[in-house]
N, C-alpha and C. Protein backbone atom coordinates (compact mmCIF):
# COMPACT_ATOMS: atom_id res chain seq x y z
N MET A 1 255.29 -16.46 194.73
CA MET A 1 256.71 -16.30 195.01
C MET A 1 257.20 -14.99 194.41
N THR A 2 257.98 -14.29 195.19
CA THR A 2 258.46 -12.99 194.75
C THR A 2 259.75 -13.15 193.96
N SER A 3 260.11 -12.08 193.25
CA SER A 3 261.36 -12.08 192.49
C SER A 3 262.56 -12.12 193.42
N GLU A 4 262.40 -11.57 194.62
CA GLU A 4 263.50 -11.59 195.59
C GLU A 4 263.81 -13.03 196.01
N TRP A 5 262.76 -13.83 196.20
CA TRP A 5 262.99 -15.24 196.58
C TRP A 5 263.71 -15.99 195.47
N LYS A 6 263.33 -15.73 194.22
CA LYS A 6 264.01 -16.37 193.09
C LYS A 6 265.47 -15.94 193.01
N ALA A 7 265.72 -14.64 193.27
CA ALA A 7 267.10 -14.15 193.24
C ALA A 7 267.93 -14.80 194.34
N GLN A 8 267.34 -15.00 195.51
CA GLN A 8 268.05 -15.67 196.60
C GLN A 8 268.37 -17.12 196.24
N LEU A 9 267.44 -17.79 195.59
CA LEU A 9 267.66 -19.18 195.19
C LEU A 9 268.79 -19.27 194.16
N ILE A 10 268.81 -18.32 193.23
CA ILE A 10 269.88 -18.31 192.23
C ILE A 10 271.21 -17.94 192.88
N GLY A 11 271.17 -17.02 193.86
CA GLY A 11 272.40 -16.59 194.52
C GLY A 11 273.09 -17.68 195.32
N LYS A 12 272.38 -18.75 195.65
CA LYS A 12 273.00 -19.84 196.41
C LYS A 12 274.00 -20.64 195.58
N VAL A 13 273.79 -20.67 194.27
CA VAL A 13 274.61 -21.57 193.44
C VAL A 13 275.36 -20.87 192.32
N ASN A 14 275.02 -19.61 192.00
CA ASN A 14 275.71 -18.97 190.87
C ASN A 14 277.17 -18.71 191.22
N GLN A 15 277.97 -18.54 190.18
CA GLN A 15 279.41 -18.41 190.38
C GLN A 15 279.80 -17.03 190.89
N HIS A 16 279.06 -15.98 190.49
CA HIS A 16 279.33 -14.62 190.97
C HIS A 16 278.05 -13.82 190.79
N SER A 17 278.07 -12.58 191.25
CA SER A 17 276.84 -11.77 191.25
C SER A 17 276.36 -11.41 189.85
N LEU A 18 277.27 -11.39 188.88
CA LEU A 18 276.90 -11.04 187.51
C LEU A 18 276.73 -12.27 186.62
N ASP A 19 276.71 -13.44 187.23
CA ASP A 19 276.59 -14.68 186.46
C ASP A 19 275.17 -14.83 185.93
N ASN A 20 275.07 -14.95 184.61
CA ASN A 20 273.75 -15.16 184.00
C ASN A 20 273.77 -16.18 182.86
N SER A 21 274.86 -16.98 182.78
CA SER A 21 274.95 -17.94 181.68
C SER A 21 275.51 -19.30 182.10
N SER A 22 275.90 -19.47 183.35
CA SER A 22 276.47 -20.75 183.77
C SER A 22 275.37 -21.79 183.95
N PHE A 23 275.78 -23.06 183.98
CA PHE A 23 274.84 -24.14 184.22
C PHE A 23 274.17 -23.99 185.58
N GLU A 24 274.94 -23.59 186.58
CA GLU A 24 274.39 -23.46 187.93
C GLU A 24 273.27 -22.42 187.97
N MET A 25 273.51 -21.27 187.31
CA MET A 25 272.50 -20.20 187.31
C MET A 25 271.24 -20.64 186.58
N LYS A 26 271.40 -21.30 185.41
CA LYS A 26 270.24 -21.73 184.63
C LYS A 26 269.43 -22.79 185.38
N ILE A 27 270.13 -23.71 186.05
CA ILE A 27 269.43 -24.76 186.80
C ILE A 27 268.64 -24.15 187.95
N ALA A 28 269.25 -23.18 188.65
CA ALA A 28 268.54 -22.53 189.76
C ALA A 28 267.33 -21.75 189.26
N TRP A 29 267.49 -21.05 188.13
CA TRP A 29 266.36 -20.28 187.58
C TRP A 29 265.22 -21.21 187.17
N MET A 30 265.55 -22.34 186.53
CA MET A 30 264.52 -23.29 186.14
C MET A 30 263.86 -23.94 187.35
N THR A 31 264.63 -24.19 188.39
CA THR A 31 264.06 -24.76 189.61
C THR A 31 263.04 -23.81 190.23
N ALA A 32 263.39 -22.53 190.28
CA ALA A 32 262.45 -21.54 190.80
C ALA A 32 261.20 -21.46 189.93
N LEU A 33 261.39 -21.54 188.61
CA LEU A 33 260.25 -21.48 187.70
C LEU A 33 259.35 -22.70 187.86
N ILE A 34 259.96 -23.89 188.01
CA ILE A 34 259.18 -25.12 188.18
C ILE A 34 258.36 -25.06 189.46
N ARG A 35 258.99 -24.61 190.54
CA ARG A 35 258.27 -24.55 191.82
C ARG A 35 257.16 -23.50 191.79
N HIS A 36 257.42 -22.39 191.12
CA HIS A 36 256.39 -21.36 191.01
C HIS A 36 255.19 -21.87 190.22
N TRP A 37 255.46 -22.50 189.07
CA TRP A 37 254.36 -23.03 188.26
C TRP A 37 253.64 -24.18 188.96
N SER A 38 254.37 -24.97 189.70
CA SER A 38 253.73 -26.08 190.43
C SER A 38 252.75 -25.55 191.48
N MET A 39 253.12 -24.46 192.15
CA MET A 39 252.20 -23.85 193.11
C MET A 39 250.97 -23.30 192.41
N LEU A 40 251.16 -22.74 191.21
CA LEU A 40 250.01 -22.24 190.46
C LEU A 40 249.08 -23.38 190.06
N VAL A 41 249.65 -24.54 189.68
CA VAL A 41 248.83 -25.69 189.31
C VAL A 41 248.03 -26.16 190.51
N GLU A 42 248.63 -26.17 191.69
CA GLU A 42 247.91 -26.57 192.90
C GLU A 42 246.77 -25.61 193.21
N ASP A 43 247.03 -24.31 193.07
CA ASP A 43 245.97 -23.32 193.34
C ASP A 43 244.82 -23.46 192.34
N ILE A 44 245.15 -23.69 191.07
CA ILE A 44 244.10 -23.84 190.05
C ILE A 44 243.31 -25.13 190.28
N SER A 45 244.00 -26.20 190.70
CA SER A 45 243.33 -27.48 190.94
C SER A 45 242.35 -27.38 192.09
N LYS A 46 242.59 -26.49 193.05
CA LYS A 46 241.66 -26.31 194.16
C LYS A 46 240.35 -25.66 193.71
N GLU A 47 240.45 -24.84 192.70
CA GLU A 47 239.27 -24.11 192.24
C GLU A 47 238.47 -24.90 191.20
N THR A 48 239.16 -25.75 190.41
CA THR A 48 238.48 -26.51 189.37
C THR A 48 239.08 -27.91 189.28
N SER A 49 238.26 -28.85 188.85
CA SER A 49 238.74 -30.23 188.74
C SER A 49 239.57 -30.46 187.48
N LYS A 50 239.47 -29.59 186.55
CA LYS A 50 240.21 -29.73 185.31
C LYS A 50 241.62 -29.19 185.48
N LYS A 51 242.60 -30.04 185.16
CA LYS A 51 243.99 -29.62 185.31
C LYS A 51 244.39 -28.68 184.17
N PRO A 52 245.21 -27.71 184.49
CA PRO A 52 245.69 -26.80 183.43
C PRO A 52 246.82 -27.47 182.62
N THR A 53 246.42 -28.22 181.61
CA THR A 53 247.42 -28.96 180.84
C THR A 53 248.41 -28.03 180.13
N TRP A 54 247.95 -26.84 179.78
CA TRP A 54 248.85 -25.91 179.12
C TRP A 54 250.02 -25.53 180.01
N LEU A 55 249.78 -25.55 181.34
CA LEU A 55 250.84 -25.21 182.29
C LEU A 55 251.66 -26.44 182.69
N THR A 56 250.99 -27.57 182.90
CA THR A 56 251.72 -28.79 183.27
C THR A 56 252.65 -29.25 182.14
N HIS A 57 252.20 -29.04 180.91
CA HIS A 57 253.06 -29.41 179.78
C HIS A 57 254.34 -28.57 179.78
N ARG A 58 254.19 -27.29 180.08
CA ARG A 58 255.38 -26.44 180.15
C ARG A 58 256.29 -26.85 181.31
N ILE A 59 255.69 -27.25 182.40
CA ILE A 59 256.49 -27.71 183.55
C ILE A 59 257.34 -28.92 183.16
N TRP A 60 256.72 -29.88 182.46
CA TRP A 60 257.47 -31.08 182.05
C TRP A 60 258.57 -30.74 181.07
N LEU A 61 258.33 -29.80 180.19
CA LEU A 61 259.38 -29.38 179.26
C LEU A 61 260.57 -28.77 179.99
N VAL A 62 260.27 -27.91 180.98
CA VAL A 62 261.35 -27.28 181.76
C VAL A 62 262.09 -28.32 182.59
N ILE A 63 261.35 -29.29 183.15
CA ILE A 63 261.99 -30.35 183.95
C ILE A 63 262.95 -31.17 183.08
N ASN A 64 262.52 -31.51 181.89
CA ASN A 64 263.39 -32.28 180.99
C ASN A 64 264.64 -31.50 180.60
N PHE A 65 264.47 -30.21 180.34
CA PHE A 65 265.63 -29.40 179.98
C PHE A 65 266.56 -29.23 181.18
N ARG A 66 265.98 -29.09 182.38
CA ARG A 66 266.82 -28.99 183.59
C ARG A 66 267.59 -30.28 183.82
N ARG A 67 266.95 -31.43 183.54
CA ARG A 67 267.65 -32.71 183.68
C ARG A 67 268.84 -32.78 182.72
N LYS A 68 268.66 -32.25 181.52
CA LYS A 68 269.77 -32.23 180.56
C LYS A 68 270.91 -31.36 181.08
N LEU A 69 270.58 -30.17 181.63
CA LEU A 69 271.63 -29.30 182.17
C LEU A 69 272.33 -29.93 183.37
N LEU A 70 271.57 -30.65 184.20
CA LEU A 70 272.18 -31.34 185.33
C LEU A 70 273.16 -32.42 184.85
N ARG A 71 272.77 -33.12 183.81
CA ARG A 71 273.67 -34.15 183.27
C ARG A 71 274.96 -33.53 182.72
N LEU A 72 274.82 -32.42 182.00
CA LEU A 72 276.00 -31.75 181.47
C LEU A 72 276.89 -31.21 182.58
N LEU A 73 276.26 -30.65 183.63
CA LEU A 73 277.04 -30.15 184.76
C LEU A 73 277.74 -31.28 185.49
N ARG A 74 277.08 -32.41 185.61
CA ARG A 74 277.69 -33.57 186.28
C ARG A 74 278.90 -34.09 185.50
N GLU A 75 278.81 -34.07 184.17
CA GLU A 75 279.94 -34.50 183.35
C GLU A 75 281.07 -33.48 183.37
N LYS A 76 280.73 -32.20 183.52
CA LYS A 76 281.74 -31.14 183.49
C LYS A 76 282.42 -30.96 184.84
N ASP A 77 281.65 -30.87 185.92
CA ASP A 77 282.20 -30.60 187.26
C ASP A 77 281.34 -31.32 188.29
N SER A 78 281.83 -32.43 188.81
CA SER A 78 281.04 -33.22 189.76
C SER A 78 280.86 -32.49 191.08
N ASP A 79 281.86 -31.71 191.51
CA ASP A 79 281.73 -30.97 192.77
C ASP A 79 280.64 -29.91 192.68
N ALA A 80 280.62 -29.17 191.58
CA ALA A 80 279.58 -28.16 191.39
C ALA A 80 278.21 -28.82 191.28
N PHE A 81 278.14 -29.99 190.67
CA PHE A 81 276.88 -30.72 190.56
C PHE A 81 276.35 -31.10 191.94
N GLU A 82 277.22 -31.63 192.79
CA GLU A 82 276.80 -32.01 194.14
C GLU A 82 276.36 -30.79 194.94
N ARG A 83 277.06 -29.67 194.78
CA ARG A 83 276.68 -28.45 195.51
C ARG A 83 275.32 -27.94 195.06
N VAL A 84 275.05 -28.01 193.76
CA VAL A 84 273.77 -27.51 193.23
C VAL A 84 272.60 -28.34 193.75
N ILE A 85 272.71 -29.67 193.66
CA ILE A 85 271.57 -30.49 194.09
C ILE A 85 271.38 -30.42 195.61
N ASN A 86 272.45 -30.17 196.36
CA ASN A 86 272.30 -30.03 197.82
C ASN A 86 271.68 -28.69 198.19
N GLU A 87 272.13 -27.61 197.54
CA GLU A 87 271.61 -26.28 197.86
C GLU A 87 270.16 -26.12 197.40
N LEU A 88 269.86 -26.65 196.22
CA LEU A 88 268.51 -26.49 195.68
C LEU A 88 267.57 -27.61 196.08
N LYS A 89 268.14 -28.62 196.79
CA LYS A 89 267.33 -29.77 197.24
C LYS A 89 266.63 -30.44 196.06
N ILE A 90 267.45 -30.80 195.06
CA ILE A 90 266.96 -31.48 193.86
C ILE A 90 267.37 -32.95 193.94
N SER A 91 266.46 -33.82 193.61
CA SER A 91 266.78 -35.25 193.56
C SER A 91 267.13 -35.62 192.12
N TYR A 92 268.29 -36.24 191.96
CA TYR A 92 268.77 -36.63 190.63
C TYR A 92 269.18 -38.09 190.70
N HIS A 93 268.48 -38.92 189.97
CA HIS A 93 268.73 -40.36 190.00
C HIS A 93 269.35 -40.80 188.67
N VAL A 94 270.46 -41.49 188.79
CA VAL A 94 271.13 -42.05 187.61
C VAL A 94 270.75 -43.52 187.53
N GLN A 95 269.99 -43.85 186.52
CA GLN A 95 269.54 -45.23 186.36
C GLN A 95 270.69 -46.08 185.83
N LYS A 96 271.07 -47.06 186.63
CA LYS A 96 272.16 -47.95 186.24
C LYS A 96 271.59 -49.16 185.51
N GLN A 97 272.20 -49.44 184.42
CA GLN A 97 271.76 -50.58 183.62
C GLN A 97 272.35 -51.87 184.19
N PRO A 98 271.54 -52.89 184.42
CA PRO A 98 272.09 -54.16 184.92
C PRO A 98 273.12 -54.72 183.97
N GLU A 99 274.20 -55.25 184.56
CA GLU A 99 275.29 -55.75 183.73
C GLU A 99 274.90 -57.02 182.98
N HIS A 100 273.98 -57.80 183.58
CA HIS A 100 273.64 -59.06 182.94
C HIS A 100 272.64 -58.89 181.80
N VAL A 101 272.05 -57.69 181.68
CA VAL A 101 271.09 -57.43 180.62
C VAL A 101 271.81 -56.77 179.45
N LYS A 102 271.76 -57.39 178.31
CA LYS A 102 272.42 -56.84 177.13
C LYS A 102 271.42 -56.05 176.30
N THR A 103 271.81 -54.84 175.97
CA THR A 103 270.96 -54.02 175.11
C THR A 103 271.12 -54.47 173.66
N ARG A 104 270.24 -53.99 172.84
CA ARG A 104 270.31 -54.34 171.41
C ARG A 104 271.59 -53.80 170.78
N LYS A 105 272.01 -52.62 171.25
CA LYS A 105 273.24 -52.03 170.72
C LYS A 105 274.45 -52.88 171.09
N ALA A 106 274.50 -53.31 172.38
CA ALA A 106 275.63 -54.15 172.81
C ALA A 106 275.62 -55.48 172.07
N TRP A 107 274.43 -56.05 171.87
CA TRP A 107 274.34 -57.32 171.13
C TRP A 107 274.82 -57.15 169.69
N ALA A 108 274.41 -56.04 169.06
CA ALA A 108 274.83 -55.78 167.68
C ALA A 108 276.34 -55.58 167.60
N GLU A 109 276.91 -54.87 168.58
CA GLU A 109 278.36 -54.66 168.58
C GLU A 109 279.10 -55.97 168.78
N ALA A 110 278.57 -56.84 169.66
CA ALA A 110 279.20 -58.14 169.89
C ALA A 110 279.15 -59.00 168.63
N GLN A 111 278.00 -58.99 167.95
CA GLN A 111 277.88 -59.75 166.71
C GLN A 111 278.83 -59.22 165.63
N LEU A 112 278.96 -57.89 165.58
CA LEU A 112 279.85 -57.29 164.59
C LEU A 112 281.30 -57.66 164.86
N ARG A 113 281.70 -57.62 166.14
CA ARG A 113 283.07 -58.00 166.48
C ARG A 113 283.34 -59.47 166.14
N ALA A 114 282.35 -60.33 166.41
CA ALA A 114 282.52 -61.76 166.10
C ALA A 114 282.67 -61.96 164.59
N ARG A 115 281.87 -61.26 163.81
CA ARG A 115 281.96 -61.39 162.35
C ARG A 115 283.30 -60.86 161.83
N VAL A 116 283.76 -59.76 162.42
CA VAL A 116 285.05 -59.20 162.01
C VAL A 116 286.18 -60.18 162.31
N GLU A 117 286.16 -60.78 163.51
CA GLU A 117 287.19 -61.75 163.87
C GLU A 117 287.15 -62.97 162.96
N GLU A 118 285.92 -63.45 162.67
CA GLU A 118 285.79 -64.61 161.78
C GLU A 118 286.31 -64.30 160.38
N GLU A 119 285.95 -63.12 159.87
CA GLU A 119 286.41 -62.73 158.54
C GLU A 119 287.92 -62.54 158.52
N LYS A 120 288.46 -62.01 159.61
CA LYS A 120 289.91 -61.81 159.68
C LYS A 120 290.65 -63.15 159.67
N GLU A 121 290.16 -64.11 160.48
CA GLU A 121 290.79 -65.43 160.50
C GLU A 121 290.69 -66.12 159.13
N LYS A 122 289.53 -65.98 158.49
CA LYS A 122 289.35 -66.57 157.16
C LYS A 122 290.31 -65.95 156.16
N ARG A 123 290.44 -64.64 156.22
CA ARG A 123 291.34 -63.95 155.30
C ARG A 123 292.79 -64.33 155.54
N LEU A 124 293.18 -64.45 156.81
CA LEU A 124 294.54 -64.84 157.14
C LEU A 124 294.85 -66.26 156.65
N GLU A 125 293.87 -67.16 156.78
CA GLU A 125 294.07 -68.53 156.30
C GLU A 125 294.23 -68.55 154.78
N GLU A 126 293.42 -67.76 154.08
CA GLU A 126 293.55 -67.69 152.62
C GLU A 126 294.92 -67.14 152.21
N LEU A 127 295.36 -66.11 152.90
CA LEU A 127 296.67 -65.54 152.58
C LEU A 127 297.79 -66.53 152.88
N HIS A 128 297.64 -67.30 153.97
CA HIS A 128 298.65 -68.30 154.32
C HIS A 128 298.75 -69.39 153.25
N GLN A 129 297.60 -69.90 152.81
CA GLN A 129 297.59 -70.92 151.77
C GLN A 129 298.14 -70.37 150.46
N ARG A 130 297.80 -69.14 150.16
CA ARG A 130 298.31 -68.51 148.94
C ARG A 130 299.82 -68.35 149.01
N TYR A 131 300.32 -67.99 150.18
CA TYR A 131 301.77 -67.84 150.36
C TYR A 131 302.49 -69.17 150.16
N ILE A 132 301.91 -70.26 150.70
CA ILE A 132 302.52 -71.58 150.56
C ILE A 132 302.57 -72.00 149.08
N MET A 133 301.47 -71.79 148.36
CA MET A 133 301.43 -72.17 146.94
C MET A 133 302.44 -71.35 146.14
N GLU A 134 302.47 -70.04 146.38
CA GLU A 134 303.41 -69.19 145.65
C GLU A 134 304.85 -69.55 145.99
N ARG A 135 305.08 -69.93 147.25
CA ARG A 135 306.44 -70.30 147.64
C ARG A 135 306.89 -71.57 146.92
N LYS A 136 305.99 -72.55 146.81
CA LYS A 136 306.33 -73.78 146.08
C LYS A 136 306.60 -73.48 144.62
N GLU A 137 305.74 -72.67 144.01
CA GLU A 137 305.94 -72.33 142.60
C GLU A 137 307.26 -71.59 142.40
N LYS A 138 307.55 -70.66 143.30
CA LYS A 138 308.80 -69.91 143.19
C LYS A 138 310.00 -70.82 143.40
N SER A 139 309.89 -71.79 144.32
CA SER A 139 311.00 -72.71 144.57
C SER A 139 311.31 -73.54 143.33
N VAL A 140 310.26 -74.07 142.68
CA VAL A 140 310.46 -74.85 141.45
C VAL A 140 311.06 -73.97 140.35
N GLU A 141 310.54 -72.76 140.23
CA GLU A 141 311.04 -71.85 139.20
C GLU A 141 312.50 -71.48 139.46
N MET A 142 312.84 -71.24 140.73
CA MET A 142 314.22 -70.88 141.06
C MET A 142 315.17 -72.05 140.84
N GLU A 143 314.71 -73.27 141.13
CA GLU A 143 315.56 -74.45 140.91
C GLU A 143 315.82 -74.65 139.42
N GLU A 144 314.79 -74.49 138.61
CA GLU A 144 314.98 -74.61 137.16
C GLU A 144 315.91 -73.51 136.64
N ARG A 145 315.74 -72.34 137.16
CA ARG A 145 316.60 -71.23 136.75
C ARG A 145 318.05 -71.48 137.16
N ARG A 146 318.26 -72.05 138.36
CA ARG A 146 319.61 -72.35 138.83
C ARG A 146 320.28 -73.39 137.93
N LYS A 147 319.53 -74.43 137.55
CA LYS A 147 320.08 -75.45 136.67
C LYS A 147 320.43 -74.86 135.30
N ALA A 148 319.56 -74.00 134.79
CA ALA A 148 319.82 -73.38 133.49
C ALA A 148 321.07 -72.51 133.54
N LEU A 149 321.23 -71.75 134.63
CA LEU A 149 322.41 -70.90 134.77
C LEU A 149 323.69 -71.73 134.91
N LYS A 150 323.59 -72.84 135.66
CA LYS A 150 324.75 -73.71 135.82
C LYS A 150 325.17 -74.32 134.48
N LYS A 151 324.18 -74.76 133.69
CA LYS A 151 324.47 -75.32 132.38
C LYS A 151 325.09 -74.26 131.47
N GLU A 152 324.54 -73.06 131.54
CA GLU A 152 325.09 -71.97 130.72
C GLU A 152 326.52 -71.64 131.13
N GLN A 153 326.78 -71.69 132.46
CA GLN A 153 328.13 -71.43 132.94
C GLN A 153 329.12 -72.49 132.42
N GLN A 154 328.71 -73.74 132.45
CA GLN A 154 329.57 -74.81 131.95
C GLN A 154 329.86 -74.64 130.46
N GLU A 155 328.85 -74.27 129.69
CA GLU A 155 329.05 -74.05 128.26
C GLU A 155 330.02 -72.90 128.02
N VAL A 156 329.89 -71.84 128.79
CA VAL A 156 330.79 -70.69 128.63
C VAL A 156 332.22 -71.09 128.99
N GLU A 157 332.37 -71.85 130.09
CA GLU A 157 333.71 -72.29 130.49
C GLU A 157 334.33 -73.19 129.42
N GLN A 158 333.55 -74.07 128.82
CA GLN A 158 334.08 -74.92 127.76
C GLN A 158 334.51 -74.11 126.54
N ARG A 159 333.73 -73.11 126.20
CA ARG A 159 334.08 -72.26 125.06
C ARG A 159 335.35 -71.47 125.34
N LEU A 160 335.48 -70.95 126.57
CA LEU A 160 336.69 -70.22 126.93
C LEU A 160 337.92 -71.14 126.90
N HIS A 161 337.76 -72.36 127.40
CA HIS A 161 338.87 -73.31 127.39
C HIS A 161 339.27 -73.67 125.96
N GLY A 162 338.27 -73.83 125.10
CA GLY A 162 338.58 -74.11 123.70
C GLY A 162 339.34 -72.98 123.05
N LEU A 163 338.97 -71.72 123.37
CA LEU A 163 339.68 -70.57 122.82
C LEU A 163 341.12 -70.52 123.32
N LEU A 164 341.34 -70.83 124.59
CA LEU A 164 342.70 -70.84 125.13
C LEU A 164 343.55 -71.92 124.49
N VAL A 165 342.94 -73.07 124.22
CA VAL A 165 343.68 -74.15 123.55
C VAL A 165 344.08 -73.73 122.15
N LEU A 166 343.17 -73.06 121.43
CA LEU A 166 343.49 -72.60 120.09
C LEU A 166 344.60 -71.56 120.09
N GLU A 167 344.63 -70.72 121.12
CA GLU A 167 345.66 -69.69 121.21
C GLU A 167 346.98 -70.25 121.73
N GLY A 168 347.01 -71.50 122.18
CA GLY A 168 348.23 -72.12 122.66
C GLY A 168 348.59 -71.75 124.08
N LYS A 169 347.69 -71.13 124.80
CA LYS A 169 347.96 -70.74 126.17
C LYS A 169 347.76 -71.88 127.15
N VAL A 170 347.13 -72.93 126.72
CA VAL A 170 346.89 -74.07 127.59
C VAL A 170 346.76 -75.30 126.71
N THR A 171 347.17 -76.44 127.25
CA THR A 171 347.08 -77.70 126.50
C THR A 171 346.16 -78.65 127.23
N ASP A 172 345.55 -79.46 126.45
CA ASP A 172 344.67 -80.46 127.06
C ASP A 172 345.52 -81.59 127.62
N THR A 173 345.22 -82.03 128.80
CA THR A 173 345.91 -83.15 129.43
C THR A 173 345.08 -84.40 129.22
N VAL A 174 345.80 -85.43 128.76
CA VAL A 174 345.11 -86.69 128.52
C VAL A 174 345.62 -87.69 129.54
N GLY A 175 344.77 -88.30 130.27
CA GLY A 175 345.17 -89.26 131.29
C GLY A 175 345.71 -88.58 132.53
N GLN A 176 346.40 -89.35 133.39
CA GLN A 176 346.93 -88.86 134.65
C GLN A 176 348.38 -89.30 134.79
N TYR A 177 349.24 -88.42 135.23
CA TYR A 177 350.68 -88.71 135.33
C TYR A 177 350.95 -89.60 136.53
N HIS A 178 351.77 -90.68 136.27
CA HIS A 178 352.24 -91.56 137.33
C HIS A 178 353.75 -91.69 137.20
N PRO A 179 354.52 -91.39 138.20
CA PRO A 179 355.99 -91.52 138.11
C PRO A 179 356.41 -92.98 137.98
N SER A 180 357.62 -93.22 137.40
CA SER A 180 358.14 -94.58 137.21
C SER A 180 358.47 -95.21 138.55
N LEU A 181 357.88 -96.33 138.82
CA LEU A 181 358.08 -96.97 140.12
C LEU A 181 359.50 -97.52 140.25
N ILE A 182 360.04 -98.17 139.19
CA ILE A 182 361.39 -98.76 139.26
C ILE A 182 362.44 -97.66 139.38
N GLY A 183 362.27 -96.59 138.57
CA GLY A 183 363.22 -95.49 138.65
C GLY A 183 363.23 -94.85 140.02
N SER A 184 362.07 -94.70 140.62
CA SER A 184 361.98 -94.09 141.94
C SER A 184 362.66 -94.94 142.99
N LEU A 185 362.47 -96.28 142.91
CA LEU A 185 363.10 -97.17 143.88
C LEU A 185 364.62 -97.18 143.70
N SER A 186 365.10 -97.21 142.46
CA SER A 186 366.54 -97.21 142.21
C SER A 186 367.18 -95.94 142.73
N GLU A 187 366.50 -94.82 142.53
CA GLU A 187 367.02 -93.55 143.02
C GLU A 187 367.07 -93.51 144.54
N ALA A 188 366.08 -94.12 145.19
CA ALA A 188 366.06 -94.15 146.65
C ALA A 188 367.18 -95.02 147.19
N VAL A 189 367.44 -96.18 146.53
CA VAL A 189 368.52 -97.08 146.98
C VAL A 189 369.88 -96.42 146.79
N MET A 190 370.06 -95.72 145.69
CA MET A 190 371.33 -95.05 145.41
C MET A 190 371.60 -93.95 146.43
N HIS A 191 370.60 -93.17 146.74
CA HIS A 191 370.76 -92.12 147.74
C HIS A 191 371.06 -92.69 149.11
N SER A 192 370.48 -93.83 149.43
CA SER A 192 370.72 -94.46 150.72
C SER A 192 372.16 -94.95 150.83
N ALA A 193 372.71 -95.49 149.72
CA ALA A 193 374.09 -95.99 149.75
C ALA A 193 375.09 -94.85 149.85
N LEU A 194 374.77 -93.71 149.26
CA LEU A 194 375.71 -92.60 149.27
C LEU A 194 375.68 -91.79 150.56
N PHE A 195 374.51 -91.54 151.09
CA PHE A 195 374.40 -90.58 152.19
C PHE A 195 374.02 -91.20 153.52
N TYR A 196 373.73 -92.49 153.58
CA TYR A 196 373.32 -93.10 154.84
C TYR A 196 374.55 -93.58 155.60
N HIS A 197 374.68 -93.22 156.87
CA HIS A 197 375.79 -93.64 157.74
C HIS A 197 375.18 -94.30 158.96
N PRO A 198 375.48 -95.56 159.24
CA PRO A 198 374.90 -96.24 160.41
C PRO A 198 375.46 -95.69 161.71
N LYS A 199 374.75 -95.89 162.80
CA LYS A 199 375.20 -95.47 164.11
C LYS A 199 376.39 -96.31 164.55
N PRO A 200 377.21 -95.80 165.47
CA PRO A 200 378.39 -96.56 165.92
C PRO A 200 378.03 -97.91 166.51
N ASP A 201 376.95 -98.01 167.26
CA ASP A 201 376.59 -99.27 167.88
C ASP A 201 376.06 -100.28 166.89
N MET A 202 375.79 -99.82 165.66
CA MET A 202 375.29 -100.71 164.64
C MET A 202 376.41 -101.32 163.80
N VAL A 203 377.69 -100.87 164.01
CA VAL A 203 378.82 -101.40 163.24
C VAL A 203 379.19 -102.76 163.80
N LYS A 204 379.48 -103.71 162.93
CA LYS A 204 379.84 -105.05 163.36
C LYS A 204 381.19 -105.05 164.06
N GLN A 205 381.30 -105.80 165.13
CA GLN A 205 382.55 -105.95 165.87
C GLN A 205 383.36 -107.08 165.24
N CYS A 206 384.61 -106.82 164.95
CA CYS A 206 385.48 -107.84 164.37
C CYS A 206 386.20 -108.61 165.47
């Protein structure tokens, strides 16, 4: 294969005439190199039964590196990837993993998530029980504190009342006041006799 043929192969996919670093240019150059070396292996195999392992090993290395560049190009620009494999007539197979088959990594991740959820639920339950216990303790403590404050308030009020009594500003009341029942009735009868006037129709006819 001549250098002109390699240049034509690269010119089909490169981005411009001065392109020498893009994925497309490198893939085309490696494709030309692989095909050139493959033809050399065929020619050598015709002359001798011993395969040139030194050359086939290099071919496999270049193929693996080209596969890596194809993967990167596919992730970067799918349109450019499709154009390259069509122009260079390269077969690229993406092996799809069956959905029903779990890899060791997926199994380990699933086990880790299950353990995390279990530990989280356990921790939440512990915190909930701790909250209930602390709430009960705080309720008892607050009730005792409320009773103590109420008792202290009563003592202070009694002391203040005693001071007011000593100063003569207030007197202690003993018992409960009840007005005189007889006096109240007599006063009501007297007021009725003085100020009550019957209606005209209630006056006796003589």
